[in-house]
Amino acid sequence: MKAETFLPEDYRPAEDEPFMNDRQLEYFRRKLLNWRADLLADSRDTISGMKDQTRNIPDIADRASEETDRALELRTRDRQRKLVSKIDAALRRIEEGEYGYCEITGEPISLKRLDARPIATMSLEAQERHERREKVHRDD
């Protein structure tokens, strides 16, 4: 197990330092872990909230409204569950030394893109090509 990398509180990855050096990797690792912890906490809150809110509502309109709200909440949590899987995959890529590089071209993904979307697996250009191809095939 490697030693923990020192990271100042105000650190932000910069273009003028070596790409995916230890500090950048640690920055993104912490960002991903914090994001994951937030999502899991939200999920736990939802589960406990739904347990507390289980009740029999006599008015059919109120019951329908609550069921709609519950379905929306569950759909949101499902999306977050999938997001946790992507975060776990990004953390694995950090451990394997593959993080920050496009899975299609092998080129570095921009630091701005990774900072905005730390689970990104493709460079902006590769992602745009992928989405254009997806749109063309969807229109068929």
C-alpha atoms as a PDB file:
ATOM      1  CA  MET A   1       0.000   0.000   0.000  1.00  0.00           C
ATOM      2  CA  LYS A   2       1.449   3.350  -0.973  1.00  0.00           C
ATOM      3  CA  ALA A   3       1.781   6.296   1.397  1.00  0.00           C
ATOM      4  CA  GLU A   4      -0.944   8.919   1.387  1.00  0.00           C
ATOM      5  CA  THR A   5      -0.136  11.929  -0.755  1.00  0.00           C
ATOM      6  CA  PHE A   6      -0.157  15.319   0.970  1.00  0.00           C
ATOM      7  CA  LEU A   7      -2.759  17.568  -0.586  1.00  0.00           C
ATOM      8  CA  PRO A   8      -3.236  21.202   0.495  1.00  0.00           C
ATOM      9  CA  GLU A   9      -6.872  22.234   1.175  1.00  0.00           C
ATOM     10  CA  ASP A  10      -6.885  24.727  -1.698  1.00  0.00           C
ATOM     11  CA  TYR A  11      -5.211  22.435  -4.252  1.00  0.00           C
ATOM     12  CA  ARG A  12      -6.638  22.368  -7.779  1.00  0.00           C
ATOM     13  CA  PRO A  13      -5.035  20.400 -10.632  1.00  0.00           C
ATOM     14  CA  ALA A  14      -3.191  22.650 -13.063  1.00  0.00           C
ATOM     15  CA  GLU A  15      -2.220  22.212 -16.704  1.00  0.00           C
ATOM     16  CA  ASP A  16       1.401  23.205 -15.959  1.00  0.00           C
ATOM     17  CA  GLU A  17       2.126  20.127 -13.820  1.00  0.00           C
ATOM     18  CA  PRO A  18       2.698  16.559 -15.039  1.00  0.00           C
ATOM     19  CA  PHE A  19      -0.580  14.938 -16.068  1.00  0.00           C
ATOM     20  CA  MET A  20      -2.057  12.550 -13.485  1.00  0.00           C
ATOM     21  CA  ASN A  21       0.777  12.973 -11.013  1.00  0.00           C
ATOM     22  CA  ASP A  22       0.265  11.750  -7.432  1.00  0.00           C
ATOM     23  CA  ARG A  23      -1.335  15.007  -6.292  1.00  0.00           C
ATOM     24  CA  GLN A  24      -3.825  15.071  -9.164  1.00  0.00           C
ATOM     25  CA  LEU A  25      -4.725  11.425  -8.618  1.00  0.00           C
ATOM     26  CA  GLU A  26      -5.217  12.043  -4.900  1.00  0.00           C
ATOM     27  CA  TYR A  27      -7.349  15.120  -5.645  1.00  0.00           C
ATOM     28  CA  PHE A  28      -9.666  13.133  -7.923  1.00  0.00           C
ATOM     29  CA  ARG A  29      -9.684  10.120  -5.584  1.00  0.00           C
ATOM     30  CA  ARG A  30     -10.866  12.304  -2.693  1.00  0.00           C
ATOM     31  CA  LYS A  31     -13.387  14.077  -4.905  1.00  0.00           C
ATOM     32  CA  LEU A  32     -14.846  10.739  -6.002  1.00  0.00           C
ATOM     33  CA  LEU A  33     -14.903   9.336  -2.460  1.00  0.00           C
ATOM     34  CA  ASN A  34     -16.676  12.436  -1.116  1.00  0.00           C
ATOM     35  CA  TRP A  35     -19.221  12.339  -3.953  1.00  0.00           C
ATOM     36  CA  ARG A  36     -19.837   8.641  -3.294  1.00  0.00           C
ATOM     37  CA  ALA A  37     -20.285   9.232   0.449  1.00  0.00           C
ATOM     38  CA  ASP A  38     -22.804  12.020  -0.244  1.00  0.00           C
ATOM     39  CA  LEU A  39     -24.825   9.807  -2.588  1.00  0.00           C
ATOM     40  CA  LEU A  40     -24.869   6.918  -0.115  1.00  0.00           C
ATOM     41  CA  ALA A  41     -25.942   9.238   2.716  1.00  0.00           C
ATOM     42  CA  ASP A  42     -28.792  10.557   0.541  1.00  0.00           C
ATOM     43  CA  SER A  43     -29.824   6.991  -0.193  1.00  0.00           C
ATOM     44  CA  ARG A  44     -29.871   6.067   3.498  1.00  0.00           C
ATOM     45  CA  ASP A  45     -31.951   9.182   4.235  1.00  0.00           C
ATOM     46  CA  THR A  46     -34.439   8.212   1.529  1.00  0.00           C
ATOM     47  CA  ILE A  47     -34.810   4.679   2.844  1.00  0.00           C
ATOM     48  CA  SER A  48     -35.367   5.813   6.418  1.00  0.00           C
ATOM     49  CA  GLY A  49     -37.725   8.565   5.243  1.00  0.00           C
ATOM     50  CA  MET A  50     -39.807   6.114   3.248  1.00  0.00           C
ATOM     51  CA  LYS A  51     -40.044   3.772   6.228  1.00  0.00           C
ATOM     52  CA  ASP A  52     -41.242   6.643   8.407  1.00  0.00           C
ATOM     53  CA  GLN A  53     -43.750   7.883   5.810  1.00  0.00           C
ATOM     54  CA  THR A  54     -45.457   4.546   5.205  1.00  0.00           C
ATOM     55  CA  ARG A  55     -49.063   5.161   6.153  1.00  0.00           C
ATOM     56  CA  ASN A  56     -52.545   4.582   4.924  1.00  0.00           C
ATOM     57  CA  ILE A  57     -53.937   7.730   3.319  1.00  0.00           C
ATOM     58  CA  PRO A  58     -57.717   7.589   2.918  1.00  0.00           C
ATOM     59  CA  ASP A  59     -58.023  10.287   0.233  1.00  0.00           C
ATOM     60  CA  ILE A  60     -57.323   8.741  -3.166  1.00  0.00           C
ATOM     61  CA  ALA A  61     -55.922  11.970  -4.663  1.00  0.00           C
ATOM     62  CA  ASP A  62     -53.517  12.423  -1.741  1.00  0.00           C
ATOM     63  CA  ARG A  63     -52.479   8.776  -1.978  1.00  0.00           C
ATOM     64  CA  ALA A  64     -51.835   9.108  -5.734  1.00  0.00           C
ATOM     65  CA  SER A  65     -49.786  12.241  -5.163  1.00  0.00           C
ATOM     66  CA  GLU A  66     -47.680  10.529  -2.505  1.00  0.00           C
ATOM     67  CA  GLU A  67     -47.169   7.465  -4.715  1.00  0.00           C
ATOM     68  CA  THR A  68     -46.043   9.712  -7.570  1.00  0.00           C
ATOM     69  CA  ASP A  69     -43.586  11.467  -5.264  1.00  0.00           C
ATOM     70  CA  ARG A  70     -42.306   8.114  -4.009  1.00  0.00           C
ATOM     71  CA  ALA A  71     -41.859   6.767  -7.558  1.00  0.00           C
ATOM     72  CA  LEU A  72     -39.907   9.883  -8.525  1.00  0.00           C
ATOM     73  CA  GLU A  73     -37.722   9.536  -5.449  1.00  0.00           C
ATOM     74  CA  LEU A  74     -37.037   5.872  -6.205  1.00  0.00           C
ATOM     75  CA  ARG A  75     -36.178   6.682  -9.831  1.00  0.00           C
ATOM     76  CA  THR A  76     -33.740   9.338  -8.587  1.00  0.00           C
ATOM     77  CA  ARG A  77     -32.154   6.878  -6.173  1.00  0.00           C
ATOM     78  CA  ASP A  78     -31.816   4.309  -8.970  1.00  0.00           C
ATOM     79  CA  ARG A  79     -29.936   6.848 -11.076  1.00  0.00           C
ATOM     80  CA  GLN A  80     -27.718   7.586  -8.088  1.00  0.00           C
ATOM     81  CA  ARG A  81     -27.087   3.846  -7.589  1.00  0.00           C
ATOM     82  CA  LYS A  82     -25.846   3.674 -11.178  1.00  0.00           C
ATOM     83  CA  LEU A  83     -23.724   6.755 -10.528  1.00  0.00           C
ATOM     84  CA  VAL A  84     -22.121   5.042  -7.506  1.00  0.00           C
ATOM     85  CA  SER A  85     -21.148   2.168  -9.823  1.00  0.00           C
ATOM     86  CA  LYS A  86     -19.481   4.643 -12.186  1.00  0.00           C
ATOM     87  CA  ILE A  87     -17.679   6.272  -9.255  1.00  0.00           C
ATOM     88  CA  ASP A  88     -16.425   2.840  -8.130  1.00  0.00           C
ATOM     89  CA  ALA A  89     -15.195   2.171 -11.679  1.00  0.00           C
ATOM     90  CA  ALA A  90     -13.346   5.518 -11.699  1.00  0.00           C
ATOM     91  CA  LEU A  91     -11.724   4.671  -8.350  1.00  0.00           C
ATOM     92  CA  ARG A  92     -10.594   1.324  -9.815  1.00  0.00           C
ATOM     93  CA  ARG A  93      -9.094   3.164 -12.800  1.00  0.00           C
ATOM     94  CA  ILE A  94      -7.145   5.371 -10.384  1.00  0.00           C
ATOM     95  CA  GLU A  95      -5.774   2.264  -8.626  1.00  0.00           C
ATOM     96  CA  GLU A  96      -4.890   0.660 -11.969  1.00  0.00           C
ATOM     97  CA  GLY A  97      -3.208   3.797 -13.330  1.00  0.00           C
ATOM     98  CA  GLU A  98      -5.737   4.249 -16.156  1.00  0.00           C
ATOM     99  CA  TYR A  99      -7.626   7.237 -14.748  1.00  0.00           C
ATOM    100  CA  GLY A 100      -7.668  10.431 -16.780  1.00  0.00           C
ATOM    101  CA  TYR A 101      -7.090   8.800 -20.154  1.00  0.00           C
ATOM    102  CA  CYS A 102      -9.725   8.344 -22.858  1.00  0.00           C
ATOM    103  CA  GLU A 103     -10.809   4.725 -23.198  1.00  0.00           C
ATOM    104  CA  ILE A 104     -11.253   5.222 -26.964  1.00  0.00           C
ATOM    105  CA  THR A 105      -8.181   7.214 -28.020  1.00  0.00           C
ATOM    106  CA  GLY A 106      -5.854   6.769 -25.046  1.00  0.00           C
ATOM    107  CA  GLU A 107      -5.307  10.532 -25.011  1.00  0.00           C
ATOM    108  CA  PRO A 108      -5.474  12.514 -21.756  1.00  0.00           C
ATOM    109  CA  ILE A 109      -8.927  13.811 -20.774  1.00  0.00           C
ATOM    110  CA  SER A 110      -8.764  17.525 -19.990  1.00  0.00           C
ATOM    111  CA  LEU A 111      -8.452  18.467 -16.321  1.00  0.00           C
ATOM    112  CA  LYS A 112     -11.418  20.832 -16.662  1.00  0.00           C
ATOM    113  CA  ARG A 113     -13.591  17.980 -17.936  1.00  0.00           C
ATOM    114  CA  LEU A 114     -12.438  15.656 -15.163  1.00  0.00           C
ATOM    115  CA  ASP A 115     -13.024  18.324 -12.542  1.00  0.00           C
ATOM    116  CA  ALA A 116     -16.562  18.874 -13.838  1.00  0.00           C
ATOM    117  CA  ARG A 117     -17.280  15.159 -14.401  1.00  0.00           C
ATOM    118  CA  PRO A 118     -14.744  13.012 -12.515  1.00  0.00           C
ATOM    119  CA  ILE A 119     -16.322   9.796 -13.834  1.00  0.00           C
ATOM    120  CA  ALA A 120     -15.609  10.729 -17.462  1.00  0.00           C
ATOM    121  CA  THR A 121     -14.084   7.900 -19.487  1.00  0.00           C
ATOM    122  CA  MET A 122     -13.750   9.701 -22.818  1.00  0.00           C
ATOM    123  CA  SER A 123     -12.195  12.933 -23.965  1.00  0.00           C
ATOM    124  CA  LEU A 124     -14.644  15.624 -25.018  1.00  0.00           C
ATOM    125  CA  GLU A 125     -13.985  14.954 -28.704  1.00  0.00           C
ATOM    126  CA  ALA A 126     -14.458  11.192 -28.363  1.00  0.00           C
ATOM    127  CA  GLN A 127     -17.644  11.738 -26.329  1.00  0.00           C
ATOM    128  CA  GLU A 128     -19.049  14.074 -28.994  1.00  0.00           C
ATOM    129  CA  ARG A 129     -18.288  11.521 -31.738  1.00  0.00           C
ATOM    130  CA  HIS A 130     -19.918   8.796 -29.654  1.00  0.00           C
ATOM    131  CA  GLU A 131     -23.054  10.897 -29.116  1.00  0.00           C
ATOM    132  CA  ARG A 132     -23.280  11.799 -32.813  1.00  0.00           C
ATOM    133  CA  ARG A 133     -23.045   8.121 -33.770  1.00  0.00           C
ATOM    134  CA  GLU A 134     -25.641   7.259 -31.138  1.00  0.00           C
ATOM    135  CA  LYS A 135     -27.987   9.929 -32.520  1.00  0.00           C
ATOM    136  CA  VAL A 136     -27.580   8.712 -36.100  1.00  0.00           C
ATOM    137  CA  HIS A 137     -28.335   5.110 -35.128  1.00  0.00           C
ATOM    138  CA  ARG A 138     -31.269   6.164 -32.958  1.00  0.00           C
ATOM    139  CA  ASP A 139     -32.846   8.024 -35.896  1.00  0.00           C
ATOM    140  CA  ASP A 140     -32.835   4.868 -38.062  1.00  0.00           C
END
